[in-house]
């Protein structure tokens, strides 16, 4: 295990996942905030997705703590960024919430699959955690896709904003 802990990629993967899960808690918190006022019928699904993201953040926090891997500096910044993005997206409408969910969760799925490949032979416990979390993330992606079928003019704004936010979160997690 000591060799793994000195592996910067090992630590970086864990830090990125952990920070981005914190950001996801913020996104869903922001969506829920607006939904309580404008889209009450969405609250049940948004609450469940938020709960999943909180669980994922906690799971990776425990895995990191057990391995002596430090978190990013001030994970709350990821949450605040997520809240801002979530509120702005939600104000653009229901479809924007769902489209954003579909785009971001597709990115998360790709990133987690990459991390799973890395951890599969290096740390079976982390690998298993990723596999379990992927189930939730794929459900979120499917909900987003199902509720935002086809293409809409709003997608031309939401898609690049979601990708840019996810990329910025990952890059900051690598550096902080």
N, C-alpha and C. Protein backbone atom coordinates (compact mmCIF):
# COMPACT_ATOMS: atom_id res chain seq x y z
N UNK A 1 0.83 -1.20 0.00
CA UNK A 1 0.00 0.00 0.00
C UNK A 1 0.87 1.26 0.00
N UNK A 2 2.01 1.22 0.68
CA UNK A 2 2.87 2.41 0.74
C UNK A 2 3.32 2.83 -0.65
N UNK A 3 3.63 1.87 -1.51
CA UNK A 3 4.03 2.20 -2.87
C UNK A 3 2.89 2.92 -3.58
N UNK A 4 1.66 2.44 -3.37
CA UNK A 4 0.51 3.08 -4.00
C UNK A 4 0.32 4.50 -3.51
N UNK A 5 0.51 4.71 -2.21
CA UNK A 5 0.30 6.05 -1.66
C UNK A 5 1.34 7.04 -2.17
N UNK A 6 2.50 6.55 -2.58
CA UNK A 6 3.51 7.45 -3.14
C UNK A 6 3.25 7.68 -4.63
N UNK A 7 2.32 6.95 -5.20
CA UNK A 7 1.96 7.10 -6.61
C UNK A 7 1.05 8.32 -6.75
N UNK A 8 1.54 9.33 -7.42
CA UNK A 8 0.76 10.57 -7.51
C UNK A 8 -0.55 10.38 -8.28
N UNK A 9 -0.58 9.43 -9.21
CA UNK A 9 -1.82 9.18 -9.96
C UNK A 9 -2.88 8.54 -9.06
N UNK A 10 -2.44 7.68 -8.17
CA UNK A 10 -3.35 7.04 -7.22
C UNK A 10 -4.05 8.11 -6.38
N UNK A 11 -3.25 8.99 -5.80
CA UNK A 11 -3.80 10.05 -4.96
C UNK A 11 -4.64 11.03 -5.78
N UNK A 12 -4.17 11.35 -6.96
CA UNK A 12 -4.88 12.31 -7.80
C UNK A 12 -6.26 11.79 -8.21
N UNK A 13 -6.33 10.52 -8.59
CA UNK A 13 -7.63 9.93 -8.95
C UNK A 13 -8.62 10.07 -7.78
N UNK A 14 -8.17 9.71 -6.59
CA UNK A 14 -9.05 9.79 -5.42
C UNK A 14 -9.47 11.24 -5.14
N UNK A 15 -8.53 12.15 -5.24
CA UNK A 15 -8.83 13.56 -4.97
C UNK A 15 -9.83 14.12 -5.99
N UNK A 16 -9.65 13.78 -7.25
CA UNK A 16 -10.55 14.26 -8.30
C UNK A 16 -11.96 13.73 -8.06
N UNK A 17 -12.08 12.44 -7.82
CA UNK A 17 -13.40 11.85 -7.59
C UNK A 17 -14.07 12.51 -6.39
N UNK A 18 -13.33 12.62 -5.30
CA UNK A 18 -13.88 13.18 -4.07
C UNK A 18 -14.33 14.63 -4.28
N UNK A 19 -13.49 15.45 -4.87
CA UNK A 19 -13.83 16.87 -5.09
C UNK A 19 -15.02 17.01 -6.03
N UNK A 20 -15.03 16.23 -7.09
CA UNK A 20 -16.12 16.34 -8.06
C UNK A 20 -17.44 15.83 -7.48
N UNK A 21 -17.38 14.85 -6.61
CA UNK A 21 -18.61 14.42 -5.92
C UNK A 21 -19.13 15.54 -5.03
N UNK A 22 -18.22 16.29 -4.40
CA UNK A 22 -18.65 17.44 -3.59
C UNK A 22 -19.31 18.48 -4.48
N UNK A 23 -18.73 18.70 -5.65
CA UNK A 23 -19.35 19.62 -6.60
C UNK A 23 -20.73 19.17 -7.01
N UNK A 24 -20.89 17.86 -7.20
CA UNK A 24 -22.19 17.31 -7.59
C UNK A 24 -23.23 17.52 -6.49
N UNK A 25 -22.80 17.43 -5.22
CA UNK A 25 -23.76 17.70 -4.14
C UNK A 25 -24.27 19.13 -4.26
N UNK A 26 -23.40 20.03 -4.64
CA UNK A 26 -23.80 21.43 -4.82
C UNK A 26 -24.73 21.63 -6.00
N UNK A 27 -24.42 20.97 -7.12
CA UNK A 27 -25.28 21.09 -8.30
C UNK A 27 -26.71 20.67 -7.96
N UNK A 28 -26.84 19.49 -7.35
CA UNK A 28 -28.19 19.02 -7.02
C UNK A 28 -28.83 19.87 -5.93
N UNK A 29 -28.04 20.43 -5.03
CA UNK A 29 -28.59 21.33 -4.02
C UNK A 29 -29.17 22.57 -4.70
N UNK A 30 -28.42 23.12 -5.66
CA UNK A 30 -28.90 24.28 -6.42
C UNK A 30 -30.15 23.97 -7.22
N UNK A 31 -30.17 22.81 -7.87
CA UNK A 31 -31.36 22.40 -8.61
C UNK A 31 -32.56 22.29 -7.67
N UNK A 32 -32.33 21.68 -6.52
CA UNK A 32 -33.43 21.49 -5.56
C UNK A 32 -33.93 22.82 -5.02
N UNK A 33 -33.03 23.75 -4.79
CA UNK A 33 -33.43 25.06 -4.28
C UNK A 33 -34.44 25.71 -5.22
N UNK A 34 -34.12 25.73 -6.49
CA UNK A 34 -35.02 26.34 -7.48
C UNK A 34 -36.28 25.48 -7.65
N UNK A 35 -36.11 24.18 -7.64
CA UNK A 35 -37.27 23.28 -7.82
C UNK A 35 -38.29 23.43 -6.70
N UNK A 36 -37.85 23.76 -5.49
CA UNK A 36 -38.82 23.94 -4.40
C UNK A 36 -39.78 25.08 -4.70
N UNK A 37 -39.34 26.03 -5.51
CA UNK A 37 -40.18 27.17 -5.85
C UNK A 37 -40.89 27.01 -7.19
N UNK A 38 -40.23 26.35 -8.15
CA UNK A 38 -40.76 26.35 -9.51
C UNK A 38 -41.15 24.98 -10.07
N UNK A 39 -40.51 23.93 -9.62
CA UNK A 39 -40.71 22.60 -10.24
C UNK A 39 -40.89 21.53 -9.17
N UNK A 40 -41.87 21.70 -8.34
CA UNK A 40 -42.04 20.80 -7.19
C UNK A 40 -42.15 19.33 -7.60
N UNK A 41 -42.66 19.06 -8.77
CA UNK A 41 -42.82 17.67 -9.21
C UNK A 41 -41.47 16.98 -9.42
N UNK A 42 -40.40 17.73 -9.51
CA UNK A 42 -39.06 17.16 -9.72
C UNK A 42 -38.35 16.84 -8.41
N UNK A 43 -38.87 17.35 -7.31
CA UNK A 43 -38.15 17.27 -6.03
C UNK A 43 -37.79 15.86 -5.60
N UNK A 44 -38.68 14.93 -5.77
CA UNK A 44 -38.39 13.56 -5.33
C UNK A 44 -37.14 13.01 -6.01
N UNK A 45 -37.08 13.14 -7.33
CA UNK A 45 -35.91 12.64 -8.06
C UNK A 45 -34.66 13.44 -7.70
N UNK A 46 -34.78 14.74 -7.62
CA UNK A 46 -33.62 15.57 -7.29
C UNK A 46 -33.11 15.28 -5.89
N UNK A 47 -34.03 15.07 -4.95
CA UNK A 47 -33.62 14.71 -3.58
C UNK A 47 -32.85 13.40 -3.56
N UNK A 48 -33.35 12.42 -4.32
CA UNK A 48 -32.68 11.12 -4.36
C UNK A 48 -31.28 11.25 -4.98
N UNK A 49 -31.17 11.98 -6.08
CA UNK A 49 -29.87 12.14 -6.72
C UNK A 49 -28.91 12.90 -5.80
N UNK A 50 -29.40 13.90 -5.10
CA UNK A 50 -28.56 14.63 -4.14
C UNK A 50 -28.08 13.69 -3.04
N UNK A 51 -28.99 12.87 -2.53
CA UNK A 51 -28.62 11.92 -1.47
C UNK A 51 -27.51 10.98 -1.97
N UNK A 52 -27.64 10.50 -3.19
CA UNK A 52 -26.60 9.63 -3.76
C UNK A 52 -25.25 10.34 -3.78
N UNK A 53 -25.24 11.58 -4.24
CA UNK A 53 -23.97 12.31 -4.35
C UNK A 53 -23.34 12.55 -2.98
N UNK A 54 -24.18 12.83 -1.98
CA UNK A 54 -23.66 12.98 -0.61
C UNK A 54 -23.02 11.67 -0.16
N UNK A 55 -23.70 10.55 -0.43
CA UNK A 55 -23.15 9.23 -0.07
C UNK A 55 -21.83 8.98 -0.79
N UNK A 56 -21.76 9.31 -2.07
CA UNK A 56 -20.53 9.09 -2.84
C UNK A 56 -19.38 9.91 -2.25
N UNK A 57 -19.66 11.16 -1.93
CA UNK A 57 -18.64 12.02 -1.31
C UNK A 57 -18.15 11.42 -0.01
N UNK A 58 -19.06 10.92 0.80
CA UNK A 58 -18.69 10.31 2.09
C UNK A 58 -17.89 9.03 1.89
N UNK A 59 -18.29 8.20 0.94
CA UNK A 59 -17.57 6.96 0.66
C UNK A 59 -16.12 7.26 0.30
N UNK A 60 -15.92 8.20 -0.62
CA UNK A 60 -14.55 8.50 -1.04
C UNK A 60 -13.78 9.22 0.05
N UNK A 61 -14.46 10.00 0.86
CA UNK A 61 -13.80 10.63 2.00
C UNK A 61 -13.23 9.59 2.95
N UNK A 62 -14.02 8.55 3.23
CA UNK A 62 -13.56 7.48 4.13
C UNK A 62 -12.42 6.68 3.50
N UNK A 63 -12.53 6.40 2.21
CA UNK A 63 -11.45 5.67 1.53
C UNK A 63 -10.16 6.47 1.57
N UNK A 64 -10.26 7.76 1.33
CA UNK A 64 -9.06 8.61 1.35
C UNK A 64 -8.47 8.69 2.76
N UNK A 65 -9.32 8.86 3.74
CA UNK A 65 -8.85 8.95 5.13
C UNK A 65 -8.13 7.66 5.53
N UNK A 66 -8.71 6.52 5.18
CA UNK A 66 -8.11 5.23 5.53
C UNK A 66 -6.75 5.04 4.87
N UNK A 67 -6.53 5.72 3.75
CA UNK A 67 -5.28 5.56 3.01
C UNK A 67 -4.32 6.73 3.24
N UNK A 68 -4.72 7.68 4.05
CA UNK A 68 -3.86 8.83 4.32
C UNK A 68 -3.71 9.77 3.15
N UNK A 69 -4.71 9.81 2.27
CA UNK A 69 -4.67 10.70 1.11
C UNK A 69 -5.40 11.98 1.49
N UNK A 70 -4.77 13.10 1.28
CA UNK A 70 -5.39 14.38 1.63
C UNK A 70 -6.47 14.75 0.62
N UNK A 71 -7.43 15.52 1.11
CA UNK A 71 -8.46 16.04 0.21
C UNK A 71 -7.91 17.26 -0.52
N UNK A 72 -8.68 17.75 -1.47
CA UNK A 72 -8.31 19.02 -2.09
C UNK A 72 -8.40 20.11 -1.02
N UNK A 73 -7.76 21.22 -1.28
CA UNK A 73 -7.86 22.35 -0.36
C UNK A 73 -9.28 22.90 -0.45
N UNK A 74 -9.95 23.01 0.67
CA UNK A 74 -11.29 23.61 0.77
C UNK A 74 -12.31 22.99 -0.20
N UNK A 75 -12.71 21.73 0.03
CA UNK A 75 -13.72 21.10 -0.84
C UNK A 75 -15.01 21.92 -0.95
N UNK A 76 -15.24 22.78 0.01
CA UNK A 76 -16.46 23.60 -0.02
C UNK A 76 -16.51 24.46 -1.29
N UNK A 77 -15.36 24.81 -1.86
CA UNK A 77 -15.36 25.59 -3.09
C UNK A 77 -16.01 24.83 -4.24
N UNK A 78 -15.82 23.52 -4.28
CA UNK A 78 -16.46 22.70 -5.31
C UNK A 78 -17.98 22.73 -5.10
N UNK A 79 -18.38 22.67 -3.85
CA UNK A 79 -19.81 22.70 -3.53
C UNK A 79 -20.41 24.05 -3.92
N UNK A 80 -19.74 25.13 -3.57
CA UNK A 80 -20.25 26.47 -3.90
C UNK A 80 -20.35 26.64 -5.41
N UNK A 81 -19.32 26.21 -6.13
CA UNK A 81 -19.37 26.28 -7.59
C UNK A 81 -20.53 25.46 -8.14
N UNK A 82 -20.73 24.28 -7.56
CA UNK A 82 -21.85 23.44 -7.98
C UNK A 82 -23.19 24.08 -7.71
N UNK A 83 -23.32 24.72 -6.54
CA UNK A 83 -24.58 25.39 -6.20
C UNK A 83 -24.87 26.50 -7.21
N UNK A 84 -23.88 27.32 -7.49
CA UNK A 84 -24.07 28.41 -8.45
C UNK A 84 -24.49 27.87 -9.81
N UNK A 85 -23.76 26.87 -10.28
CA UNK A 85 -24.11 26.26 -11.57
C UNK A 85 -25.51 25.66 -11.52
N UNK A 86 -25.83 24.96 -10.43
CA UNK A 86 -27.13 24.31 -10.30
C UNK A 86 -28.28 25.29 -10.30
N UNK A 87 -28.12 26.41 -9.59
CA UNK A 87 -29.17 27.43 -9.55
C UNK A 87 -29.36 28.05 -10.93
N UNK A 88 -28.27 28.45 -11.56
CA UNK A 88 -28.36 29.08 -12.88
C UNK A 88 -29.00 28.13 -13.88
N UNK A 89 -28.55 26.88 -13.88
CA UNK A 89 -29.12 25.89 -14.79
C UNK A 89 -30.61 25.71 -14.53
N UNK A 90 -30.97 25.57 -13.27
CA UNK A 90 -32.38 25.33 -12.93
C UNK A 90 -33.26 26.51 -13.32
N UNK A 91 -32.74 27.71 -13.23
CA UNK A 91 -33.53 28.88 -13.64
C UNK A 91 -33.81 28.88 -15.14
N UNK A 92 -33.03 28.13 -15.89
CA UNK A 92 -33.25 28.01 -17.33
C UNK A 92 -34.36 27.02 -17.66
N UNK A 93 -34.85 26.29 -16.67
CA UNK A 93 -36.00 25.41 -16.89
C UNK A 93 -35.74 23.95 -16.57
N UNK A 94 -36.84 23.20 -16.57
CA UNK A 94 -36.77 21.76 -16.28
C UNK A 94 -35.84 21.04 -17.24
N UNK A 95 -36.03 21.32 -18.53
CA UNK A 95 -35.19 20.63 -19.52
C UNK A 95 -33.72 20.91 -19.27
N UNK A 96 -33.40 22.14 -18.89
CA UNK A 96 -32.00 22.49 -18.62
C UNK A 96 -31.45 21.65 -17.47
N UNK A 97 -32.26 21.43 -16.44
CA UNK A 97 -31.83 20.58 -15.32
C UNK A 97 -31.53 19.19 -15.83
N UNK A 98 -32.47 18.63 -16.59
CA UNK A 98 -32.29 17.25 -17.06
C UNK A 98 -31.16 17.13 -18.07
N UNK A 99 -31.06 18.09 -18.97
CA UNK A 99 -29.99 18.04 -19.97
C UNK A 99 -28.63 18.14 -19.28
N UNK A 100 -28.53 19.06 -18.34
CA UNK A 100 -27.30 19.21 -17.57
C UNK A 100 -26.95 17.91 -16.86
N UNK A 101 -27.95 17.28 -16.25
CA UNK A 101 -27.74 16.01 -15.56
C UNK A 101 -27.21 14.96 -16.53
N UNK A 102 -27.83 14.86 -17.71
CA UNK A 102 -27.39 13.86 -18.70
C UNK A 102 -25.95 14.10 -19.13
N UNK A 103 -25.61 15.34 -19.42
CA UNK A 103 -24.26 15.66 -19.89
C UNK A 103 -23.22 15.42 -18.80
N UNK A 104 -23.49 15.95 -17.61
CA UNK A 104 -22.51 15.80 -16.52
C UNK A 104 -22.35 14.34 -16.12
N UNK A 105 -23.46 13.62 -16.02
CA UNK A 105 -23.35 12.21 -15.60
C UNK A 105 -22.66 11.36 -16.66
N UNK A 106 -22.77 11.72 -17.93
CA UNK A 106 -22.01 11.00 -18.97
C UNK A 106 -20.51 11.23 -18.76
N UNK A 107 -20.14 12.45 -18.40
CA UNK A 107 -18.74 12.76 -18.11
C UNK A 107 -18.28 11.99 -16.88
N UNK A 108 -19.11 11.99 -15.85
CA UNK A 108 -18.78 11.27 -14.61
C UNK A 108 -18.61 9.78 -14.89
N UNK A 109 -19.51 9.23 -15.69
CA UNK A 109 -19.41 7.80 -16.03
C UNK A 109 -18.08 7.50 -16.71
N UNK A 110 -17.70 8.33 -17.67
CA UNK A 110 -16.43 8.13 -18.37
C UNK A 110 -15.25 8.23 -17.41
N UNK A 111 -15.27 9.25 -16.55
CA UNK A 111 -14.18 9.45 -15.59
C UNK A 111 -14.10 8.29 -14.59
N UNK A 112 -15.26 7.83 -14.11
CA UNK A 112 -15.25 6.72 -13.15
C UNK A 112 -14.79 5.43 -13.81
N UNK A 113 -15.16 5.21 -15.05
CA UNK A 113 -14.68 4.01 -15.75
C UNK A 113 -13.17 4.05 -15.92
N UNK A 114 -12.64 5.23 -16.21
CA UNK A 114 -11.19 5.39 -16.32
C UNK A 114 -10.53 5.10 -14.97
N UNK A 115 -11.10 5.65 -13.90
CA UNK A 115 -10.56 5.42 -12.56
C UNK A 115 -10.67 3.94 -12.18
N UNK A 116 -11.79 3.31 -12.53
CA UNK A 116 -11.98 1.88 -12.22
C UNK A 116 -10.90 1.06 -12.89
N UNK A 117 -10.58 1.38 -14.13
CA UNK A 117 -9.51 0.67 -14.84
C UNK A 117 -8.20 0.80 -14.09
N UNK A 118 -7.94 2.00 -13.62
CA UNK A 118 -6.70 2.26 -12.89
C UNK A 118 -6.67 1.47 -11.58
N UNK A 119 -7.76 1.49 -10.82
CA UNK A 119 -7.77 0.88 -9.48
C UNK A 119 -8.01 -0.63 -9.49
N UNK A 120 -8.48 -1.18 -10.58
CA UNK A 120 -8.88 -2.59 -10.60
C UNK A 120 -7.79 -3.51 -10.06
N UNK A 121 -6.56 -3.32 -10.47
CA UNK A 121 -5.47 -4.18 -9.99
C UNK A 121 -4.67 -3.54 -8.86
N UNK A 122 -4.91 -2.26 -8.58
CA UNK A 122 -4.13 -1.56 -7.57
C UNK A 122 -4.80 -1.52 -6.20
N UNK A 123 -6.14 -1.42 -6.20
CA UNK A 123 -6.85 -1.29 -4.93
C UNK A 123 -8.28 -1.80 -5.12
N UNK A 124 -8.49 -3.09 -4.84
CA UNK A 124 -9.81 -3.69 -5.06
C UNK A 124 -10.95 -3.02 -4.29
N UNK A 125 -10.66 -2.47 -3.12
CA UNK A 125 -11.72 -1.82 -2.34
C UNK A 125 -12.19 -0.53 -3.04
N UNK A 126 -11.27 0.26 -3.53
CA UNK A 126 -11.63 1.47 -4.27
C UNK A 126 -12.35 1.08 -5.56
N UNK A 127 -11.84 0.06 -6.23
CA UNK A 127 -12.47 -0.41 -7.46
C UNK A 127 -13.93 -0.80 -7.21
N UNK A 128 -14.19 -1.56 -6.15
CA UNK A 128 -15.56 -1.98 -5.83
C UNK A 128 -16.45 -0.77 -5.50
N UNK A 129 -15.91 0.19 -4.79
CA UNK A 129 -16.68 1.41 -4.48
C UNK A 129 -17.07 2.13 -5.76
N UNK A 130 -16.13 2.23 -6.68
CA UNK A 130 -16.43 2.89 -7.96
C UNK A 130 -17.52 2.13 -8.71
N UNK A 131 -17.42 0.80 -8.73
CA UNK A 131 -18.43 0.01 -9.43
C UNK A 131 -19.82 0.24 -8.84
N UNK A 132 -19.92 0.32 -7.53
CA UNK A 132 -21.22 0.57 -6.88
C UNK A 132 -21.73 1.98 -7.19
N UNK A 133 -20.86 2.95 -7.15
CA UNK A 133 -21.24 4.33 -7.42
C UNK A 133 -21.66 4.51 -8.88
N UNK A 134 -21.02 3.79 -9.76
CA UNK A 134 -21.38 3.87 -11.18
C UNK A 134 -22.85 3.52 -11.41
N UNK A 135 -23.40 2.62 -10.62
CA UNK A 135 -24.81 2.25 -10.78
C UNK A 135 -25.69 3.48 -10.57
N UNK A 136 -25.44 4.23 -9.51
CA UNK A 136 -26.22 5.45 -9.25
C UNK A 136 -26.01 6.47 -10.36
N UNK A 137 -24.76 6.67 -10.76
CA UNK A 137 -24.46 7.70 -11.76
C UNK A 137 -25.11 7.36 -13.10
N UNK A 138 -25.15 6.08 -13.45
CA UNK A 138 -25.80 5.67 -14.69
C UNK A 138 -27.31 5.88 -14.62
N UNK A 139 -27.89 5.67 -13.44
CA UNK A 139 -29.32 5.95 -13.25
C UNK A 139 -29.59 7.44 -13.41
N UNK A 140 -28.73 8.28 -12.87
CA UNK A 140 -28.89 9.73 -13.00
C UNK A 140 -28.81 10.13 -14.47
N UNK A 141 -27.83 9.57 -15.17
CA UNK A 141 -27.66 9.89 -16.59
C UNK A 141 -28.90 9.49 -17.37
N UNK A 142 -29.42 8.30 -17.11
CA UNK A 142 -30.61 7.82 -17.81
C UNK A 142 -31.81 8.72 -17.52
N UNK A 143 -31.97 9.14 -16.28
CA UNK A 143 -33.07 10.06 -15.93
C UNK A 143 -32.92 11.37 -16.71
N UNK A 144 -31.70 11.86 -16.79
CA UNK A 144 -31.45 13.09 -17.54
C UNK A 144 -31.76 12.93 -19.01
N UNK A 145 -31.32 11.83 -19.59
CA UNK A 145 -31.57 11.58 -21.02
C UNK A 145 -33.06 11.39 -21.30
N UNK A 146 -33.72 10.64 -20.44
CA UNK A 146 -35.15 10.35 -20.62
C UNK A 146 -35.98 11.63 -20.55
N UNK A 147 -35.59 12.53 -19.69
CA UNK A 147 -36.36 13.75 -19.48
C UNK A 147 -35.91 14.93 -20.34
N UNK A 148 -34.93 14.71 -21.19
CA UNK A 148 -34.50 15.77 -22.12
C UNK A 148 -34.22 15.17 -23.50
N UNK A 149 -35.25 14.52 -24.09
CA UNK A 149 -35.03 13.84 -25.37
C UNK A 149 -34.81 14.84 -26.51
N UNK A 150 -34.17 14.35 -27.56
CA UNK A 150 -33.97 15.18 -28.74
C UNK A 150 -33.02 16.33 -28.47
N UNK A 151 -33.14 17.33 -29.33
CA UNK A 151 -32.28 18.51 -29.20
C UNK A 151 -33.15 19.75 -29.03
N UNK A 152 -32.63 20.69 -28.30
CA UNK A 152 -33.32 21.95 -28.04
C UNK A 152 -32.31 23.07 -28.20
N UNK A 153 -32.75 24.26 -28.57
CA UNK A 153 -31.81 25.38 -28.66
C UNK A 153 -31.05 25.62 -27.35
N UNK A 154 -31.70 25.35 -26.21
CA UNK A 154 -31.06 25.53 -24.90
C UNK A 154 -29.84 24.62 -24.74
N UNK A 155 -29.87 23.46 -25.42
CA UNK A 155 -28.76 22.52 -25.31
C UNK A 155 -27.44 23.14 -25.78
N UNK A 156 -27.54 24.10 -26.71
CA UNK A 156 -26.33 24.75 -27.22
C UNK A 156 -25.63 25.58 -26.14
N UNK A 157 -26.37 25.89 -25.09
CA UNK A 157 -25.79 26.62 -23.96
C UNK A 157 -25.44 25.65 -22.83
N UNK A 158 -26.38 24.76 -22.54
CA UNK A 158 -26.22 23.85 -21.40
C UNK A 158 -25.06 22.88 -21.61
N UNK A 159 -24.99 22.26 -22.78
CA UNK A 159 -23.94 21.25 -23.03
C UNK A 159 -22.53 21.80 -22.81
N UNK A 160 -22.16 22.90 -23.47
CA UNK A 160 -20.80 23.41 -23.24
C UNK A 160 -20.58 23.92 -21.82
N UNK A 161 -21.62 24.48 -21.21
CA UNK A 161 -21.47 24.95 -19.82
C UNK A 161 -21.21 23.78 -18.89
N UNK A 162 -21.94 22.69 -19.08
CA UNK A 162 -21.75 21.49 -18.25
C UNK A 162 -20.35 20.91 -18.45
N UNK A 163 -19.93 20.82 -19.70
CA UNK A 163 -18.59 20.28 -19.99
C UNK A 163 -17.49 21.17 -19.40
N UNK A 164 -17.66 22.48 -19.55
CA UNK A 164 -16.66 23.41 -19.03
C UNK A 164 -16.59 23.34 -17.51
N UNK A 165 -17.73 23.27 -16.87
CA UNK A 165 -17.75 23.17 -15.41
C UNK A 165 -17.09 21.90 -14.91
N UNK A 166 -17.39 20.78 -15.58
CA UNK A 166 -16.80 19.50 -15.20
C UNK A 166 -15.28 19.52 -15.42
N UNK A 167 -14.86 20.08 -16.54
CA UNK A 167 -13.42 20.15 -16.83
C UNK A 167 -12.70 21.05 -15.82
N UNK A 168 -13.31 22.17 -15.49
CA UNK A 168 -12.69 23.08 -14.51
C UNK A 168 -12.59 22.41 -13.14
N UNK A 169 -13.64 21.69 -12.75
CA UNK A 169 -13.62 20.98 -11.46
C UNK A 169 -12.48 19.98 -11.41
N UNK A 170 -12.33 19.24 -12.49
CA UNK A 170 -11.28 18.22 -12.54
C UNK A 170 -9.89 18.87 -12.51
N UNK A 171 -9.70 19.90 -13.30
CA UNK A 171 -8.39 20.55 -13.36
C UNK A 171 -8.00 21.16 -12.01
N UNK A 172 -8.97 21.81 -11.37
CA UNK A 172 -8.68 22.38 -10.04
C UNK A 172 -8.34 21.29 -9.04
N UNK A 173 -9.06 20.17 -9.11
CA UNK A 173 -8.79 19.07 -8.18
C UNK A 173 -7.39 18.49 -8.39
N UNK A 174 -6.91 18.50 -9.61
CA UNK A 174 -5.55 18.02 -9.89
C UNK A 174 -4.51 18.92 -9.23
N UNK A 175 -4.80 20.20 -9.17
CA UNK A 175 -3.80 21.18 -8.74
C UNK A 175 -3.88 21.56 -7.26
N UNK A 176 -5.07 21.42 -6.67
CA UNK A 176 -5.23 21.85 -5.29
C UNK A 176 -5.33 20.67 -4.36
